[in-house]
Amino acid sequence: MLKGTKLYSIIRMKCPRCQEGDFFEGHPYKFSTMGQVKKRCPKCDMKYELETGFFQGSYYLSYALGVALFVAVISLNYIFREQITPTFLMLSFILALIVLFPLIFALSKIIWATLFIKYDKSLSKSIRLNKK
């Protein structure tokens, strides 16, 4: 249903151009390959790093996702707790960041790539036809 949208590539962590090949070497929570982007798409042969240092811009997105996480943690604490102590709030921040850091790291890179790489519907169709 979402195929062809940028959101599909982000959620499924697929190639932004063909939305068929995997974007990362492994799962975001597999620490040996955490955050490692493949050199090229295994399906459409798209080179992911468009230029040297391309993914350095994803650091800004990582920061924004971290801020959003902290706002969510504060909001949830205010909703579900009567009284919030600074210690509990800090522990909530640290726990959320430890648990979600690999996902934030991966999401920032895939979002950054989808900002610059456009989906090519004809590539996706030809890849599916070649499978058969």
N, C-alpha and C. Protein backbone atom coordinates (compact mmCIF):
# COMPACT_ATOMS: atom_id res chain seq x y z
N MET A 1 0.82 -1.19 0.00
CA MET A 1 0.00 0.00 0.00
C MET A 1 0.87 1.26 0.00
N LEU A 2 1.93 1.27 0.77
CA LEU A 2 2.81 2.43 0.83
C LEU A 2 3.90 2.39 -0.22
N LYS A 3 3.98 1.30 -0.97
CA LYS A 3 5.05 1.13 -1.96
C LYS A 3 5.07 2.34 -2.89
N GLY A 4 6.24 2.85 -3.13
CA GLY A 4 6.40 4.02 -3.97
C GLY A 4 6.54 5.32 -3.19
N THR A 5 6.36 5.25 -1.88
CA THR A 5 6.51 6.45 -1.05
C THR A 5 7.83 6.40 -0.30
N LYS A 6 8.28 7.55 0.13
CA LYS A 6 9.51 7.62 0.91
C LYS A 6 9.33 6.91 2.26
N LEU A 7 8.14 6.97 2.79
CA LEU A 7 7.85 6.32 4.06
C LEU A 7 8.06 4.80 3.98
N TYR A 8 7.75 4.21 2.84
CA TYR A 8 7.96 2.77 2.66
C TYR A 8 9.44 2.42 2.79
N SER A 9 10.29 3.20 2.14
CA SER A 9 11.74 2.96 2.23
C SER A 9 12.24 3.11 3.66
N ILE A 10 11.72 4.10 4.36
CA ILE A 10 12.17 4.36 5.72
C ILE A 10 11.73 3.25 6.67
N ILE A 11 10.46 2.90 6.61
CA ILE A 11 9.94 1.88 7.53
C ILE A 11 10.56 0.51 7.26
N ARG A 12 10.67 0.13 5.99
CA ARG A 12 11.20 -1.19 5.63
C ARG A 12 12.72 -1.20 5.52
N MET A 13 13.35 -0.01 5.57
CA MET A 13 14.79 0.15 5.43
C MET A 13 15.29 -0.50 4.14
N LYS A 14 14.63 -0.08 3.05
CA LYS A 14 14.95 -0.58 1.72
C LYS A 14 15.57 0.52 0.88
N CYS A 15 16.12 0.14 -0.24
CA CYS A 15 16.73 1.09 -1.18
C CYS A 15 15.72 2.17 -1.55
N PRO A 16 16.09 3.45 -1.43
CA PRO A 16 15.15 4.51 -1.77
C PRO A 16 14.79 4.56 -3.26
N ARG A 17 15.66 4.02 -4.13
CA ARG A 17 15.40 4.09 -5.57
C ARG A 17 14.50 2.97 -6.06
N CYS A 18 14.78 1.73 -5.69
CA CYS A 18 13.97 0.61 -6.20
C CYS A 18 13.04 0.03 -5.14
N GLN A 19 13.30 0.30 -3.89
CA GLN A 19 12.54 -0.19 -2.74
C GLN A 19 12.47 -1.71 -2.70
N GLU A 20 13.49 -2.35 -3.23
CA GLU A 20 13.57 -3.81 -3.22
C GLU A 20 14.76 -4.30 -2.40
N GLY A 21 15.93 -3.73 -2.63
CA GLY A 21 17.15 -4.17 -1.96
C GLY A 21 17.28 -3.60 -0.56
N ASP A 22 17.99 -4.32 0.29
CA ASP A 22 18.22 -3.86 1.66
C ASP A 22 19.21 -2.70 1.67
N PHE A 23 18.98 -1.75 2.57
CA PHE A 23 19.83 -0.56 2.68
C PHE A 23 21.01 -0.80 3.61
N PHE A 24 20.80 -1.58 4.67
CA PHE A 24 21.83 -1.82 5.67
C PHE A 24 22.40 -3.23 5.55
N GLU A 25 23.62 -3.39 6.06
CA GLU A 25 24.29 -4.69 6.07
C GLU A 25 23.56 -5.68 6.95
N GLY A 26 23.01 -5.22 8.05
CA GLY A 26 22.31 -6.09 8.99
C GLY A 26 21.21 -5.34 9.70
N HIS A 27 20.66 -5.95 10.71
CA HIS A 27 19.61 -5.35 11.52
C HIS A 27 20.20 -4.24 12.38
N PRO A 28 19.44 -3.17 12.64
CA PRO A 28 19.98 -2.08 13.46
C PRO A 28 20.45 -2.51 14.85
N TYR A 29 19.89 -3.57 15.40
CA TYR A 29 20.28 -4.01 16.73
C TYR A 29 21.34 -5.11 16.72
N LYS A 30 21.86 -5.44 15.57
CA LYS A 30 22.98 -6.37 15.49
C LYS A 30 24.25 -5.53 15.57
N PHE A 31 24.93 -5.57 16.71
CA PHE A 31 26.01 -4.62 16.98
C PHE A 31 27.21 -4.76 16.05
N SER A 32 27.45 -5.94 15.47
CA SER A 32 28.61 -6.09 14.58
C SER A 32 28.41 -5.34 13.26
N THR A 33 27.17 -5.11 12.85
CA THR A 33 26.91 -4.39 11.60
C THR A 33 26.05 -3.15 11.82
N MET A 34 25.93 -2.69 13.05
CA MET A 34 25.06 -1.57 13.37
C MET A 34 25.41 -0.32 12.57
N GLY A 35 24.45 0.17 11.81
CA GLY A 35 24.62 1.42 11.07
C GLY A 35 25.44 1.31 9.81
N GLN A 36 25.89 0.11 9.43
CA GLN A 36 26.69 -0.04 8.22
C GLN A 36 25.78 -0.10 7.00
N VAL A 37 25.92 0.90 6.15
CA VAL A 37 25.14 0.97 4.92
C VAL A 37 25.88 0.17 3.85
N LYS A 38 25.11 -0.57 3.04
CA LYS A 38 25.73 -1.30 1.94
C LYS A 38 26.32 -0.31 0.95
N LYS A 39 27.35 -0.71 0.24
CA LYS A 39 27.96 0.17 -0.77
C LYS A 39 26.99 0.42 -1.91
N ARG A 40 26.33 -0.65 -2.37
CA ARG A 40 25.39 -0.56 -3.49
C ARG A 40 24.15 -1.40 -3.19
N CYS A 41 23.08 -1.05 -3.85
CA CYS A 41 21.84 -1.83 -3.72
C CYS A 41 22.04 -3.16 -4.43
N PRO A 42 21.70 -4.27 -3.77
CA PRO A 42 21.87 -5.58 -4.41
C PRO A 42 20.89 -5.80 -5.57
N LYS A 43 19.84 -5.01 -5.67
CA LYS A 43 18.83 -5.20 -6.73
C LYS A 43 19.03 -4.26 -7.92
N CYS A 44 19.21 -2.96 -7.66
CA CYS A 44 19.30 -1.99 -8.77
C CYS A 44 20.70 -1.42 -8.96
N ASP A 45 21.65 -1.81 -8.13
CA ASP A 45 23.05 -1.40 -8.20
C ASP A 45 23.26 0.10 -7.96
N MET A 46 22.34 0.73 -7.25
CA MET A 46 22.47 2.14 -6.89
C MET A 46 23.58 2.31 -5.86
N LYS A 47 24.48 3.26 -6.11
CA LYS A 47 25.52 3.56 -5.13
C LYS A 47 24.91 4.48 -4.07
N TYR A 48 24.90 3.98 -2.81
CA TYR A 48 24.22 4.73 -1.75
C TYR A 48 24.96 5.99 -1.32
N GLU A 49 26.27 5.93 -1.23
CA GLU A 49 27.03 7.11 -0.82
C GLU A 49 27.27 7.96 -2.06
N LEU A 50 26.42 8.95 -2.25
CA LEU A 50 26.45 9.76 -3.47
C LEU A 50 27.75 10.54 -3.61
N GLU A 51 28.35 10.90 -2.51
CA GLU A 51 29.64 11.59 -2.52
C GLU A 51 30.35 11.27 -1.22
N THR A 52 31.62 11.57 -1.16
CA THR A 52 32.39 11.30 0.06
C THR A 52 31.79 12.09 1.23
N GLY A 53 31.55 11.40 2.33
CA GLY A 53 30.98 12.05 3.51
C GLY A 53 29.50 12.33 3.40
N PHE A 54 28.81 11.67 2.48
CA PHE A 54 27.39 11.92 2.24
C PHE A 54 26.55 11.77 3.51
N PHE A 55 26.83 10.77 4.31
CA PHE A 55 25.99 10.49 5.47
C PHE A 55 26.31 11.37 6.69
N GLN A 56 27.26 12.29 6.56
CA GLN A 56 27.53 13.20 7.68
C GLN A 56 26.34 14.11 7.95
N GLY A 57 25.55 14.39 6.92
CA GLY A 57 24.35 15.21 7.10
C GLY A 57 23.29 14.52 7.95
N SER A 58 23.38 13.19 8.02
CA SER A 58 22.40 12.46 8.83
C SER A 58 22.57 12.72 10.32
N TYR A 59 23.71 13.29 10.71
CA TYR A 59 23.92 13.63 12.12
C TYR A 59 22.88 14.65 12.59
N TYR A 60 22.49 15.57 11.72
CA TYR A 60 21.48 16.56 12.07
C TYR A 60 20.13 15.88 12.30
N LEU A 61 19.83 14.90 11.46
CA LEU A 61 18.59 14.15 11.64
C LEU A 61 18.62 13.33 12.92
N SER A 62 19.77 12.77 13.23
CA SER A 62 19.93 12.01 14.46
C SER A 62 19.68 12.90 15.67
N TYR A 63 20.17 14.11 15.62
CA TYR A 63 19.94 15.07 16.69
C TYR A 63 18.45 15.37 16.82
N ALA A 64 17.78 15.62 15.70
CA ALA A 64 16.34 15.92 15.72
C ALA A 64 15.54 14.74 16.26
N LEU A 65 15.89 13.53 15.86
CA LEU A 65 15.20 12.35 16.38
C LEU A 65 15.44 12.18 17.88
N GLY A 66 16.63 12.52 18.34
CA GLY A 66 16.93 12.47 19.77
C GLY A 66 16.11 13.48 20.55
N VAL A 67 15.97 14.67 20.02
CA VAL A 67 15.14 15.70 20.66
C VAL A 67 13.69 15.24 20.72
N ALA A 68 13.20 14.66 19.62
CA ALA A 68 11.83 14.14 19.60
C ALA A 68 11.64 13.04 20.64
N LEU A 69 12.65 12.20 20.79
CA LEU A 69 12.60 11.14 21.80
C LEU A 69 12.51 11.73 23.20
N PHE A 70 13.31 12.75 23.49
CA PHE A 70 13.28 13.37 24.81
C PHE A 70 11.94 14.06 25.08
N VAL A 71 11.37 14.69 24.07
CA VAL A 71 10.04 15.30 24.23
C VAL A 71 9.00 14.22 24.52
N ALA A 72 9.10 13.09 23.82
CA ALA A 72 8.17 11.98 24.07
C ALA A 72 8.34 11.42 25.47
N VAL A 73 9.56 11.29 25.94
CA VAL A 73 9.81 10.77 27.29
C VAL A 73 9.24 11.73 28.34
N ILE A 74 9.45 13.01 28.16
CA ILE A 74 8.90 14.00 29.10
C ILE A 74 7.37 13.95 29.09
N SER A 75 6.79 13.90 27.90
CA SER A 75 5.33 13.87 27.79
C SER A 75 4.75 12.62 28.46
N LEU A 76 5.35 11.48 28.20
CA LEU A 76 4.87 10.23 28.80
C LEU A 76 5.02 10.25 30.32
N ASN A 77 6.08 10.84 30.82
CA ASN A 77 6.26 10.95 32.26
C ASN A 77 5.18 11.84 32.88
N TYR A 78 4.86 12.93 32.22
CA TYR A 78 3.81 13.81 32.75
C TYR A 78 2.43 13.16 32.69
N ILE A 79 2.20 12.36 31.67
CA ILE A 79 0.90 11.71 31.53
C ILE A 79 0.71 10.60 32.56
N PHE A 80 1.73 9.77 32.75
CA PHE A 80 1.57 8.56 33.55
C PHE A 80 2.08 8.66 34.99
N ARG A 81 2.68 9.75 35.38
CA ARG A 81 3.18 9.87 36.75
C ARG A 81 2.63 11.15 37.38
N GLU A 82 2.30 11.04 38.66
CA GLU A 82 1.78 12.21 39.38
C GLU A 82 2.88 13.21 39.66
N GLN A 83 3.98 12.70 40.18
CA GLN A 83 5.08 13.59 40.54
C GLN A 83 6.36 13.08 39.86
N ILE A 84 7.05 13.99 39.23
CA ILE A 84 8.26 13.62 38.50
C ILE A 84 9.46 14.23 39.20
N THR A 85 10.40 13.38 39.55
CA THR A 85 11.64 13.87 40.14
C THR A 85 12.69 14.00 39.03
N PRO A 86 13.62 14.91 39.20
CA PRO A 86 14.68 15.05 38.18
C PRO A 86 15.47 13.76 37.99
N THR A 87 15.68 13.01 39.05
CA THR A 87 16.42 11.75 38.95
C THR A 87 15.67 10.75 38.08
N PHE A 88 14.37 10.62 38.32
CA PHE A 88 13.57 9.68 37.53
C PHE A 88 13.54 10.10 36.07
N LEU A 89 13.42 11.39 35.83
CA LEU A 89 13.39 11.90 34.46
C LEU A 89 14.71 11.61 33.75
N MET A 90 15.83 11.82 34.43
CA MET A 90 17.14 11.55 33.85
C MET A 90 17.30 10.05 33.56
N LEU A 91 16.87 9.21 34.49
CA LEU A 91 16.94 7.77 34.26
C LEU A 91 16.06 7.34 33.08
N SER A 92 14.92 8.00 32.93
CA SER A 92 14.04 7.71 31.79
C SER A 92 14.72 8.08 30.48
N PHE A 93 15.39 9.24 30.45
CA PHE A 93 16.13 9.67 29.27
C PHE A 93 17.22 8.66 28.90
N ILE A 94 17.99 8.28 29.89
CA ILE A 94 19.12 7.38 29.65
C ILE A 94 18.64 6.02 29.16
N LEU A 95 17.61 5.48 29.79
CA LEU A 95 17.07 4.19 29.39
C LEU A 95 16.51 4.23 27.96
N ALA A 96 15.74 5.26 27.67
CA ALA A 96 15.17 5.39 26.32
C ALA A 96 16.27 5.54 25.27
N LEU A 97 17.29 6.29 25.59
CA LEU A 97 18.38 6.49 24.64
C LEU A 97 19.18 5.22 24.42
N ILE A 98 19.44 4.47 25.48
CA ILE A 98 20.18 3.21 25.35
C ILE A 98 19.38 2.21 24.50
N VAL A 99 18.09 2.12 24.77
CA VAL A 99 17.26 1.15 24.06
C VAL A 99 17.05 1.55 22.59
N LEU A 100 16.87 2.84 22.32
CA LEU A 100 16.51 3.28 20.97
C LEU A 100 17.66 3.85 20.15
N PHE A 101 18.87 3.93 20.71
CA PHE A 101 19.99 4.50 19.96
C PHE A 101 20.25 3.81 18.63
N PRO A 102 20.32 2.47 18.57
CA PRO A 102 20.58 1.84 17.26
C PRO A 102 19.50 2.16 16.23
N LEU A 103 18.26 2.24 16.66
CA LEU A 103 17.17 2.56 15.74
C LEU A 103 17.26 4.01 15.26
N ILE A 104 17.56 4.93 16.15
CA ILE A 104 17.72 6.34 15.78
C ILE A 104 18.87 6.50 14.79
N PHE A 105 19.96 5.80 15.05
CA PHE A 105 21.14 5.85 14.18
C PHE A 105 20.80 5.37 12.77
N ALA A 106 20.07 4.26 12.69
CA ALA A 106 19.69 3.71 11.38
C ALA A 106 18.66 4.60 10.69
N LEU A 107 17.67 5.05 11.43
CA LEU A 107 16.63 5.89 10.83
C LEU A 107 17.20 7.19 10.28
N SER A 108 18.15 7.77 10.97
CA SER A 108 18.71 9.04 10.49
C SER A 108 19.40 8.84 9.14
N LYS A 109 20.07 7.72 8.96
CA LYS A 109 20.76 7.47 7.67
C LYS A 109 19.78 7.19 6.54
N ILE A 110 18.76 6.38 6.79
CA ILE A 110 17.81 6.06 5.73
C ILE A 110 16.95 7.28 5.37
N ILE A 111 16.60 8.08 6.37
CA ILE A 111 15.83 9.30 6.08
C ILE A 111 16.68 10.26 5.26
N TRP A 112 17.95 10.40 5.62
CA TRP A 112 18.84 11.28 4.88
C TRP A 112 18.95 10.84 3.41
N ALA A 113 19.10 9.54 3.19
CA ALA A 113 19.22 9.03 1.82
C ALA A 113 17.94 9.25 1.04
N THR A 114 16.77 9.07 1.67
CA THR A 114 15.51 9.24 0.94
C THR A 114 15.25 10.71 0.59
N LEU A 115 15.91 11.62 1.29
CA LEU A 115 15.76 13.04 0.92
C LEU A 115 16.41 13.34 -0.42
N PHE A 116 17.43 12.57 -0.80
CA PHE A 116 18.21 12.87 -2.00
C PHE A 116 18.04 11.86 -3.12
N ILE A 117 17.53 10.68 -2.82
CA ILE A 117 17.38 9.64 -3.84
C ILE A 117 15.90 9.46 -4.13
N LYS A 118 15.54 9.60 -5.40
CA LYS A 118 14.14 9.54 -5.80
C LYS A 118 13.76 8.11 -6.19
N TYR A 119 12.55 7.72 -5.85
CA TYR A 119 12.02 6.40 -6.21
C TYR A 119 11.81 6.31 -7.71
N ASP A 120 12.25 5.21 -8.30
CA ASP A 120 12.10 4.98 -9.74
C ASP A 120 11.17 3.78 -9.94
N LYS A 121 9.93 4.08 -10.30
CA LYS A 121 8.90 3.04 -10.44
C LYS A 121 9.26 2.03 -11.52
N SER A 122 9.88 2.47 -12.59
CA SER A 122 10.23 1.56 -13.68
C SER A 122 11.27 0.54 -13.24
N LEU A 123 12.20 0.95 -12.38
CA LEU A 123 13.20 0.01 -11.85
C LEU A 123 12.56 -1.07 -11.01
N SER A 124 11.62 -0.66 -10.18
CA SER A 124 10.95 -1.62 -9.31
C SER A 124 10.19 -2.66 -10.12
N LYS A 125 9.53 -2.22 -11.20
CA LYS A 125 8.79 -3.15 -12.05
C LYS A 125 9.73 -4.11 -12.76
N SER A 126 10.84 -3.59 -13.29
CA SER A 126 11.77 -4.46 -14.02
C SER A 126 12.44 -5.48 -13.10
N ILE A 127 12.69 -5.10 -11.87
CA ILE A 127 13.29 -6.03 -10.90
C ILE A 127 12.31 -7.16 -10.60
N ARG A 128 11.02 -6.80 -10.43
CA ARG A 128 10.02 -7.82 -10.15
C ARG A 128 9.82 -8.74 -11.36
N LEU A 129 9.92 -8.20 -12.57
CA LEU A 129 9.77 -9.02 -13.77
C LEU A 129 10.97 -9.97 -13.93
N ASN A 130 12.15 -9.51 -13.55
CA ASN A 130 13.35 -10.35 -13.63
C ASN A 130 13.34 -11.49 -12.62
N LYS A 131 12.62 -11.31 -11.51
CA LYS A 131 12.51 -12.36 -10.51
C LYS A 131 11.77 -13.57 -11.07
N LYS A 132 10.78 -13.30 -11.93
CA LYS A 132 9.93 -14.38 -12.45
C LYS A 132 10.58 -15.11 -13.55
